[in-house]
């Protein structure tokens, strides 16, 4: 499971969101709209994506 990657794009702004959601986006290497990050497919990363699922889009699963 650790050898696969996910491409995640930020589609929502963290303005007027809880500070923890902004911190989660920074942890996912996303901090500007339409930025794409390639992340390792681990349970921790999937949990972070689930926390901010309304602000990101998974491009490849």
N, C-alpha and C. Protein backbone atom coordinates (compact mmCIF):
# COMPACT_ATOMS: atom_id res chain seq x y z
N UNK A 1 0.81 -1.19 0.00
CA UNK A 1 0.00 0.00 0.00
C UNK A 1 0.86 1.26 0.00
N UNK A 2 2.06 1.18 0.55
CA UNK A 2 2.92 2.34 0.65
C UNK A 2 3.61 2.69 -0.67
N UNK A 3 3.59 1.78 -1.66
CA UNK A 3 4.27 2.06 -2.92
C UNK A 3 3.38 2.83 -3.88
N UNK A 4 2.11 3.00 -3.58
CA UNK A 4 1.21 3.75 -4.46
C UNK A 4 1.18 5.22 -4.05
N UNK A 5 0.80 6.06 -4.99
CA UNK A 5 0.71 7.48 -4.70
C UNK A 5 -0.67 7.99 -5.07
N UNK A 6 -1.03 9.10 -4.45
CA UNK A 6 -2.28 9.80 -4.73
C UNK A 6 -1.94 11.21 -5.17
N UNK A 7 -2.64 11.69 -6.18
CA UNK A 7 -2.51 13.09 -6.58
C UNK A 7 -3.73 13.81 -6.05
N UNK A 8 -3.48 14.86 -5.27
CA UNK A 8 -4.56 15.59 -4.61
C UNK A 8 -4.46 17.05 -5.01
N UNK A 9 -5.60 17.66 -5.37
CA UNK A 9 -5.65 19.06 -5.77
C UNK A 9 -6.52 19.81 -4.77
N UNK A 10 -6.05 20.99 -4.37
CA UNK A 10 -6.85 21.83 -3.47
C UNK A 10 -7.85 22.61 -4.30
N UNK A 11 -9.15 22.50 -3.96
CA UNK A 11 -10.19 23.19 -4.72
C UNK A 11 -10.96 24.17 -3.86
N UNK A 12 -10.69 24.20 -2.56
CA UNK A 12 -11.39 25.11 -1.66
C UNK A 12 -10.42 25.91 -0.81
N UNK A 13 -10.88 27.06 -0.35
CA UNK A 13 -10.04 27.94 0.45
C UNK A 13 -10.22 27.63 1.94
N UNK A 14 -9.14 27.70 2.70
CA UNK A 14 -9.25 27.47 4.15
C UNK A 14 -9.73 28.71 4.92
N UNK A 15 -10.06 29.79 4.22
CA UNK A 15 -10.55 30.99 4.89
C UNK A 15 -11.88 30.66 5.57
N UNK A 16 -12.05 31.11 6.78
CA UNK A 16 -13.24 30.88 7.62
C UNK A 16 -13.41 29.41 7.99
N UNK A 17 -12.33 28.67 8.00
CA UNK A 17 -12.35 27.27 8.46
C UNK A 17 -11.59 27.20 9.76
N UNK A 18 -11.74 26.09 10.45
CA UNK A 18 -11.01 25.88 11.69
C UNK A 18 -9.50 25.84 11.40
N UNK A 19 -8.73 26.24 12.38
CA UNK A 19 -7.28 26.27 12.22
C UNK A 19 -6.73 24.87 11.95
N UNK A 20 -7.37 23.85 12.49
CA UNK A 20 -6.88 22.49 12.27
C UNK A 20 -7.03 22.07 10.81
N UNK A 21 -8.04 22.59 10.11
CA UNK A 21 -8.20 22.26 8.70
C UNK A 21 -7.12 22.94 7.87
N UNK A 22 -6.77 24.16 8.22
CA UNK A 22 -5.68 24.85 7.52
C UNK A 22 -4.37 24.11 7.75
N UNK A 23 -4.15 23.66 8.99
CA UNK A 23 -2.93 22.92 9.30
C UNK A 23 -2.89 21.59 8.56
N UNK A 24 -4.03 20.95 8.38
CA UNK A 24 -4.08 19.69 7.65
C UNK A 24 -3.72 19.92 6.18
N UNK A 25 -4.21 21.00 5.59
CA UNK A 25 -3.84 21.31 4.20
C UNK A 25 -2.34 21.54 4.07
N UNK A 26 -1.76 22.24 5.02
CA UNK A 26 -0.32 22.48 4.99
C UNK A 26 0.43 21.16 5.14
N UNK A 27 -0.09 20.26 5.99
CA UNK A 27 0.51 18.95 6.14
C UNK A 27 0.44 18.11 4.88
N UNK A 28 -0.58 18.37 4.05
CA UNK A 28 -0.73 17.68 2.77
C UNK A 28 0.04 18.38 1.65
N UNK A 29 0.84 19.39 2.01
CA UNK A 29 1.63 20.16 1.04
C UNK A 29 0.75 20.98 0.11
N UNK A 30 -0.41 21.39 0.61
CA UNK A 30 -1.33 22.22 -0.16
C UNK A 30 -1.56 23.50 0.64
N UNK A 31 -1.38 24.65 0.02
CA UNK A 31 -1.67 25.90 0.71
C UNK A 31 -2.16 26.99 -0.23
N UNK A 32 -2.35 26.65 -1.50
CA UNK A 32 -2.91 27.60 -2.46
C UNK A 32 -3.89 26.85 -3.35
N UNK A 33 -4.90 27.55 -3.84
CA UNK A 33 -5.90 26.92 -4.68
C UNK A 33 -5.28 26.33 -5.94
N UNK A 34 -5.79 25.21 -6.36
CA UNK A 34 -5.41 24.49 -7.58
C UNK A 34 -3.99 23.96 -7.55
N UNK A 35 -3.37 23.92 -6.38
CA UNK A 35 -2.06 23.30 -6.24
C UNK A 35 -2.25 21.79 -6.16
N UNK A 36 -1.38 21.04 -6.82
CA UNK A 36 -1.47 19.59 -6.85
C UNK A 36 -0.27 19.01 -6.11
N UNK A 37 -0.55 18.05 -5.24
CA UNK A 37 0.51 17.38 -4.49
C UNK A 37 0.42 15.88 -4.76
N UNK A 38 1.57 15.26 -4.88
CA UNK A 38 1.64 13.81 -5.05
C UNK A 38 2.06 13.22 -3.71
N UNK A 39 1.18 12.44 -3.11
CA UNK A 39 1.38 11.94 -1.75
C UNK A 39 1.39 10.43 -1.73
N UNK A 40 2.09 9.88 -0.76
CA UNK A 40 2.13 8.43 -0.56
C UNK A 40 0.77 7.96 -0.04
N UNK A 41 0.31 6.85 -0.54
CA UNK A 41 -1.01 6.31 -0.17
C UNK A 41 -0.88 5.50 1.12
N UNK A 42 -1.07 6.18 2.25
CA UNK A 42 -1.02 5.52 3.55
C UNK A 42 -2.31 5.82 4.31
N UNK A 43 -2.63 5.05 5.34
CA UNK A 43 -3.83 5.34 6.13
C UNK A 43 -3.81 6.74 6.76
N UNK A 44 -2.63 7.22 7.14
CA UNK A 44 -2.53 8.56 7.74
C UNK A 44 -2.91 9.63 6.72
N UNK A 45 -2.40 9.51 5.51
CA UNK A 45 -2.70 10.49 4.46
C UNK A 45 -4.18 10.42 4.10
N UNK A 46 -4.72 9.22 4.01
CA UNK A 46 -6.15 9.09 3.71
C UNK A 46 -7.02 9.72 4.79
N UNK A 47 -6.60 9.62 6.05
CA UNK A 47 -7.31 10.26 7.15
C UNK A 47 -7.27 11.77 7.05
N UNK A 48 -6.11 12.30 6.65
CA UNK A 48 -5.99 13.75 6.47
C UNK A 48 -6.87 14.22 5.32
N UNK A 49 -6.92 13.45 4.23
CA UNK A 49 -7.77 13.80 3.10
C UNK A 49 -9.23 13.76 3.52
N UNK A 50 -9.62 12.77 4.32
CA UNK A 50 -11.00 12.66 4.78
C UNK A 50 -11.39 13.85 5.63
N UNK A 51 -10.43 14.39 6.40
CA UNK A 51 -10.71 15.52 7.28
C UNK A 51 -11.03 16.78 6.47
N UNK A 52 -10.40 16.94 5.32
CA UNK A 52 -10.62 18.15 4.50
C UNK A 52 -11.19 17.76 3.13
N UNK A 53 -12.01 16.73 3.09
CA UNK A 53 -12.52 16.23 1.81
C UNK A 53 -13.33 17.28 1.04
N UNK A 54 -13.88 18.26 1.74
CA UNK A 54 -14.66 19.32 1.10
C UNK A 54 -13.75 20.39 0.48
N UNK A 55 -12.46 20.33 0.74
CA UNK A 55 -11.52 21.33 0.21
C UNK A 55 -10.57 20.76 -0.83
N UNK A 56 -10.56 19.44 -1.01
CA UNK A 56 -9.62 18.82 -1.94
C UNK A 56 -10.35 17.87 -2.88
N UNK A 57 -9.64 17.53 -3.96
CA UNK A 57 -10.14 16.55 -4.92
C UNK A 57 -9.01 15.57 -5.21
N UNK A 58 -9.31 14.27 -5.14
CA UNK A 58 -8.33 13.24 -5.43
C UNK A 58 -8.36 13.01 -6.94
N UNK A 59 -7.23 13.20 -7.60
CA UNK A 59 -7.18 13.07 -9.05
C UNK A 59 -6.92 11.64 -9.48
N UNK A 60 -6.13 10.88 -8.72
CA UNK A 60 -5.85 9.49 -9.05
C UNK A 60 -5.92 8.67 -7.78
N UNK A 61 -6.62 7.56 -7.85
CA UNK A 61 -6.73 6.70 -6.66
C UNK A 61 -5.89 5.46 -6.84
